[in-house]
N, C-alpha and C. Protein backbone atom coordinates (compact mmCIF):
# COMPACT_ATOMS: atom_id res chain seq x y z
N MET A 1 0.85 -1.18 0.01
CA MET A 1 -0.01 0.00 0.01
C MET A 1 0.90 1.24 -0.02
N HIS A 2 0.66 2.12 -0.94
CA HIS A 2 1.41 3.39 -1.01
C HIS A 2 0.45 4.52 -0.71
N CYS A 3 0.99 5.55 0.00
CA CYS A 3 0.13 6.69 0.27
C CYS A 3 0.36 7.72 -0.87
N SER A 4 -0.65 8.50 -1.10
CA SER A 4 -0.62 9.45 -2.19
C SER A 4 0.16 10.69 -1.79
N LEU A 5 0.81 11.29 -2.79
CA LEU A 5 1.52 12.58 -2.48
C LEU A 5 0.54 13.67 -2.28
N LYS A 6 -0.75 13.45 -2.53
CA LYS A 6 -1.79 14.45 -2.23
C LYS A 6 -2.13 14.43 -0.74
N GLU A 7 -1.58 13.47 -0.03
CA GLU A 7 -1.80 13.40 1.40
C GLU A 7 -0.45 13.44 2.13
N PRO A 8 0.27 14.64 2.09
CA PRO A 8 1.59 14.70 2.65
C PRO A 8 1.68 14.37 4.15
N HIS A 9 0.61 14.73 4.88
CA HIS A 9 0.66 14.43 6.33
C HIS A 9 0.73 12.93 6.56
N ILE A 10 0.08 12.15 5.76
CA ILE A 10 0.15 10.68 5.88
C ILE A 10 1.51 10.22 5.44
N LEU A 11 2.04 10.80 4.33
CA LEU A 11 3.35 10.41 3.87
C LEU A 11 4.41 10.63 4.92
N PHE A 12 4.46 11.84 5.51
CA PHE A 12 5.49 12.15 6.45
C PHE A 12 5.36 11.36 7.75
N SER A 13 4.12 11.20 8.22
CA SER A 13 3.96 10.43 9.45
C SER A 13 4.30 8.99 9.20
N SER A 14 3.96 8.46 8.03
CA SER A 14 4.27 7.07 7.72
C SER A 14 5.80 6.86 7.59
N MET A 15 6.48 7.85 7.01
CA MET A 15 7.92 7.71 6.86
C MET A 15 8.58 7.82 8.24
N TYR A 16 8.05 8.69 9.11
CA TYR A 16 8.64 8.84 10.43
C TYR A 16 8.45 7.62 11.27
N TYR A 17 7.24 7.06 11.21
CA TYR A 17 6.97 5.92 12.04
C TYR A 17 7.22 4.60 11.32
N GLY A 18 7.59 4.64 10.03
CA GLY A 18 7.94 3.46 9.24
C GLY A 18 6.76 2.56 8.98
N CYS A 19 5.57 3.12 8.83
CA CYS A 19 4.35 2.32 8.63
C CYS A 19 4.15 1.93 7.17
N LEU A 20 4.41 2.80 6.27
CA LEU A 20 4.08 2.55 4.86
C LEU A 20 5.30 2.73 3.99
N PRO A 21 5.37 1.99 2.89
CA PRO A 21 6.47 2.23 1.96
C PRO A 21 6.26 3.54 1.22
N MET A 22 7.31 4.09 0.68
CA MET A 22 7.25 5.34 -0.08
C MET A 22 6.51 5.16 -1.37
N ALA A 23 5.71 6.10 -1.75
CA ALA A 23 4.94 6.04 -2.98
C ALA A 23 5.90 6.19 -4.15
N PRO A 24 5.61 5.53 -5.28
CA PRO A 24 6.46 5.68 -6.48
C PRO A 24 6.40 7.10 -6.99
N GLY A 25 7.49 7.59 -7.56
CA GLY A 25 7.53 8.94 -8.14
C GLY A 25 7.63 10.05 -7.14
N VAL A 26 8.19 9.80 -5.96
CA VAL A 26 8.29 10.81 -4.95
C VAL A 26 9.30 11.88 -5.42
N THR A 27 8.96 13.15 -5.22
CA THR A 27 9.79 14.24 -5.73
C THR A 27 11.05 14.43 -4.89
N THR A 28 12.00 15.14 -5.44
CA THR A 28 13.24 15.47 -4.70
C THR A 28 12.91 16.25 -3.46
N ASN A 29 12.01 17.22 -3.52
CA ASN A 29 11.66 18.03 -2.37
C ASN A 29 11.14 17.15 -1.23
N THR A 30 10.30 16.20 -1.58
CA THR A 30 9.75 15.31 -0.59
C THR A 30 10.87 14.51 0.07
N LYS A 31 11.76 13.99 -0.72
CA LYS A 31 12.90 13.22 -0.18
C LYS A 31 13.79 14.12 0.70
N GLN A 32 13.96 15.37 0.32
CA GLN A 32 14.75 16.30 1.15
C GLN A 32 14.06 16.52 2.51
N LEU A 33 12.75 16.67 2.50
CA LEU A 33 12.01 16.82 3.76
C LEU A 33 12.10 15.56 4.61
N ILE A 34 12.01 14.40 3.96
CA ILE A 34 12.17 13.17 4.71
C ILE A 34 13.55 13.09 5.36
N LEU A 35 14.57 13.49 4.61
CA LEU A 35 15.93 13.47 5.18
C LEU A 35 15.99 14.40 6.39
N CYS A 36 15.45 15.60 6.30
CA CYS A 36 15.45 16.49 7.48
C CYS A 36 14.73 15.88 8.66
N LEU A 37 13.62 15.20 8.39
CA LEU A 37 12.89 14.54 9.45
C LEU A 37 13.72 13.45 10.10
N LEU A 38 14.42 12.64 9.28
CA LEU A 38 15.27 11.61 9.83
C LEU A 38 16.41 12.15 10.64
N LEU A 39 16.86 13.40 10.34
CA LEU A 39 17.98 13.96 11.05
C LEU A 39 17.56 14.72 12.32
N SER A 40 16.31 14.60 12.72
CA SER A 40 15.87 15.29 13.89
C SER A 40 16.58 14.80 15.15
N PHE A 41 16.89 13.49 15.22
CA PHE A 41 17.53 12.96 16.41
C PHE A 41 18.93 12.44 16.15
N PRO A 42 19.13 11.33 15.47
CA PRO A 42 20.47 10.83 15.26
C PRO A 42 21.21 11.71 14.25
N LEU A 43 22.52 11.86 14.52
CA LEU A 43 23.34 12.67 13.61
C LEU A 43 24.25 11.76 12.78
N VAL A 44 24.21 10.48 12.95
CA VAL A 44 24.91 9.54 12.15
C VAL A 44 23.89 8.51 11.64
N LEU A 45 23.70 8.52 10.32
CA LEU A 45 22.69 7.67 9.72
C LEU A 45 23.36 6.62 8.83
N PRO A 46 23.08 5.33 9.08
CA PRO A 46 23.64 4.31 8.24
C PRO A 46 23.11 4.36 6.83
N TYR A 47 23.95 4.07 5.87
CA TYR A 47 23.54 4.09 4.47
C TYR A 47 22.35 3.19 4.26
N ASP A 48 22.34 1.99 4.87
CA ASP A 48 21.27 1.04 4.65
C ASP A 48 19.89 1.63 5.05
N ASN A 49 19.87 2.31 6.21
CA ASN A 49 18.58 2.93 6.61
C ASN A 49 18.16 4.07 5.69
N LEU A 50 19.14 4.86 5.25
CA LEU A 50 18.83 5.96 4.32
C LEU A 50 18.30 5.43 3.00
N MET A 51 18.95 4.39 2.51
CA MET A 51 18.52 3.82 1.23
C MET A 51 17.07 3.30 1.27
N VAL A 52 16.72 2.71 2.39
CA VAL A 52 15.33 2.24 2.54
C VAL A 52 14.38 3.42 2.63
N GLU A 53 14.67 4.36 3.52
CA GLU A 53 13.74 5.50 3.74
C GLU A 53 13.64 6.43 2.55
N LEU A 54 14.72 6.57 1.78
CA LEU A 54 14.70 7.49 0.63
C LEU A 54 14.40 6.76 -0.67
N ASP A 55 14.21 5.48 -0.59
CA ASP A 55 13.82 4.67 -1.75
C ASP A 55 14.82 4.75 -2.89
N VAL A 56 16.09 4.56 -2.55
CA VAL A 56 17.15 4.49 -3.56
C VAL A 56 17.71 3.05 -3.54
N THR A 57 18.21 2.61 -4.69
CA THR A 57 18.56 1.21 -4.81
C THR A 57 20.05 0.87 -4.62
N ASN A 58 20.92 1.92 -4.67
CA ASN A 58 22.32 1.64 -4.51
C ASN A 58 23.03 2.81 -3.88
N VAL A 59 24.26 2.57 -3.43
CA VAL A 59 25.04 3.59 -2.71
C VAL A 59 25.34 4.80 -3.60
N ARG A 60 25.58 4.55 -4.86
CA ARG A 60 25.88 5.66 -5.78
C ARG A 60 24.71 6.63 -5.85
N GLN A 61 23.51 6.11 -6.00
CA GLN A 61 22.28 6.99 -6.03
C GLN A 61 22.15 7.76 -4.72
N LEU A 62 22.39 7.08 -3.61
CA LEU A 62 22.28 7.72 -2.31
C LEU A 62 23.28 8.87 -2.17
N GLU A 63 24.54 8.57 -2.49
CA GLU A 63 25.55 9.62 -2.34
C GLU A 63 25.34 10.77 -3.33
N ASP A 64 24.88 10.49 -4.55
CA ASP A 64 24.57 11.54 -5.51
C ASP A 64 23.45 12.43 -4.97
N PHE A 65 22.40 11.80 -4.42
CA PHE A 65 21.28 12.55 -3.85
C PHE A 65 21.74 13.42 -2.68
N LEU A 66 22.48 12.83 -1.76
CA LEU A 66 22.96 13.60 -0.60
C LEU A 66 23.88 14.76 -0.99
N ASN A 67 24.80 14.50 -1.93
CA ASN A 67 25.70 15.56 -2.38
C ASN A 67 25.00 16.63 -3.19
N ASN A 68 24.32 16.19 -4.27
CA ASN A 68 23.80 17.10 -5.27
C ASN A 68 22.47 17.74 -4.88
N GLU A 69 21.63 17.05 -4.18
CA GLU A 69 20.30 17.54 -3.89
C GLU A 69 20.13 18.03 -2.46
N CYS A 70 21.07 17.71 -1.59
CA CYS A 70 20.88 18.08 -0.17
C CYS A 70 22.02 18.98 0.30
N MET A 71 23.26 18.52 0.21
CA MET A 71 24.36 19.34 0.70
C MET A 71 24.60 20.54 -0.16
N TYR A 72 24.53 20.37 -1.47
CA TYR A 72 24.71 21.51 -2.38
C TYR A 72 23.62 22.58 -2.18
N ASP A 73 22.38 22.13 -1.87
CA ASP A 73 21.29 23.08 -1.64
C ASP A 73 21.28 23.67 -0.24
N GLY A 74 22.22 23.26 0.64
CA GLY A 74 22.34 23.79 2.00
C GLY A 74 21.35 23.22 3.00
N ILE A 75 20.68 22.15 2.63
CA ILE A 75 19.73 21.49 3.53
C ILE A 75 20.44 20.80 4.70
N VAL A 76 21.58 20.19 4.36
CA VAL A 76 22.41 19.53 5.36
C VAL A 76 23.87 19.81 5.05
N ARG A 77 24.66 19.72 6.07
CA ARG A 77 26.11 19.67 5.96
C ARG A 77 26.55 18.34 6.54
N GLY A 78 27.46 17.66 5.93
CA GLY A 78 27.85 16.39 6.48
C GLY A 78 28.96 15.75 5.72
N LYS A 79 29.34 14.54 6.23
CA LYS A 79 30.42 13.77 5.66
C LYS A 79 29.89 12.44 5.29
N LEU A 80 30.16 12.01 4.05
CA LEU A 80 29.81 10.67 3.60
C LEU A 80 30.97 9.78 3.95
N ASP A 81 30.79 8.85 4.84
CA ASP A 81 31.84 7.89 5.22
C ASP A 81 31.61 6.57 4.54
N GLN A 82 32.36 6.35 3.44
CA GLN A 82 32.15 5.14 2.65
C GLN A 82 32.65 3.92 3.38
N LEU A 83 33.67 4.03 4.19
CA LEU A 83 34.16 2.86 4.94
C LEU A 83 33.18 2.39 5.98
N LYS A 84 32.61 3.31 6.72
CA LYS A 84 31.63 2.97 7.79
C LYS A 84 30.21 2.86 7.20
N ARG A 85 30.04 3.27 5.92
CA ARG A 85 28.73 3.27 5.28
C ARG A 85 27.70 4.05 6.09
N CYS A 86 28.07 5.33 6.39
CA CYS A 86 27.14 6.20 7.14
C CYS A 86 27.33 7.61 6.69
N PHE A 87 26.30 8.40 7.07
CA PHE A 87 26.28 9.84 6.76
C PHE A 87 26.32 10.56 8.09
N GLU A 88 27.43 11.27 8.34
CA GLU A 88 27.64 12.02 9.58
C GLU A 88 27.23 13.46 9.37
N VAL A 89 26.28 13.96 10.20
CA VAL A 89 25.72 15.26 9.95
C VAL A 89 25.83 16.19 11.19
N PRO A 90 26.65 17.24 11.04
CA PRO A 90 26.74 18.25 12.10
C PRO A 90 25.66 19.35 11.99
N PHE A 91 25.03 19.45 10.81
CA PHE A 91 23.98 20.50 10.66
C PHE A 91 22.91 19.98 9.72
N ALA A 92 21.67 20.29 10.08
CA ALA A 92 20.53 20.02 9.20
C ALA A 92 19.54 21.16 9.32
N ALA A 93 18.85 21.46 8.23
CA ALA A 93 17.85 22.54 8.25
C ALA A 93 16.80 22.26 9.29
N GLY A 94 16.28 23.29 9.90
CA GLY A 94 15.28 23.12 10.93
C GLY A 94 13.97 22.54 10.45
N ARG A 95 13.28 21.91 11.29
CA ARG A 95 11.95 21.34 11.03
C ARG A 95 10.99 21.79 12.11
N ASP A 96 9.72 21.63 11.83
CA ASP A 96 8.72 21.95 12.84
C ASP A 96 8.92 21.05 14.04
N PRO A 97 8.69 21.57 15.26
CA PRO A 97 8.86 20.71 16.42
C PRO A 97 7.82 19.58 16.44
N ARG A 98 8.25 18.44 16.98
CA ARG A 98 7.31 17.30 17.11
C ARG A 98 6.43 17.51 18.33
N PRO A 99 5.32 16.80 18.38
CA PRO A 99 4.47 16.92 19.59
C PRO A 99 5.25 16.63 20.86
N GLY A 100 5.07 17.49 21.82
CA GLY A 100 5.78 17.33 23.08
C GLY A 100 7.07 18.14 23.15
N GLU A 101 7.65 18.55 22.04
CA GLU A 101 8.91 19.29 22.05
C GLU A 101 8.70 20.77 22.32
N LEU A 102 7.52 21.27 22.03
CA LEU A 102 7.27 22.71 22.16
C LEU A 102 7.42 23.19 23.60
N GLY A 103 6.91 22.40 24.54
CA GLY A 103 7.04 22.76 25.97
C GLY A 103 8.48 22.85 26.39
N ASP A 104 9.32 21.90 25.95
CA ASP A 104 10.74 21.92 26.27
C ASP A 104 11.42 23.16 25.67
N MET A 105 11.02 23.52 24.46
CA MET A 105 11.59 24.69 23.84
C MET A 105 11.20 25.97 24.59
N LEU A 106 9.96 26.09 24.96
CA LEU A 106 9.52 27.24 25.75
C LEU A 106 10.23 27.32 27.10
N HIS A 107 10.38 26.23 27.73
CA HIS A 107 11.08 26.14 29.01
C HIS A 107 12.53 26.62 28.86
N ALA A 108 13.23 26.12 27.80
CA ALA A 108 14.61 26.50 27.56
C ALA A 108 14.74 27.97 27.27
N LEU A 109 13.79 28.53 26.49
CA LEU A 109 13.82 29.96 26.17
C LEU A 109 13.51 30.81 27.39
N SER A 110 12.66 30.37 28.24
CA SER A 110 12.30 31.17 29.43
C SER A 110 13.43 31.21 30.44
N ASN A 111 14.39 30.30 30.33
CA ASN A 111 15.54 30.27 31.24
C ASN A 111 16.72 31.04 30.73
N LEU A 112 16.59 31.77 29.62
CA LEU A 112 17.71 32.55 29.08
C LEU A 112 17.99 33.81 29.91
């Protein structure tokens, strides 16, 4: 079962929770948003996980996407480690806070 790109809230929640496979023909922008979502917590992502989540079939496609469509556009900064087969990310573009994170953000800002 694939979710429609006309239902982005279902697409992003399914990608986050791993419920549904990615719909065929997903755009580059959608994949970039999925990458930002994946980078919300871990800063080292294994190639195998990224290839599944971004629906790419080989390492070359993954590295081309990360270099040309993400790092070049300034969405992420990172290092592709071919020996460890992972993407190490010190910076990723901001995303909307997840449920429950807003209270922590307000608390941190009130303590400044």
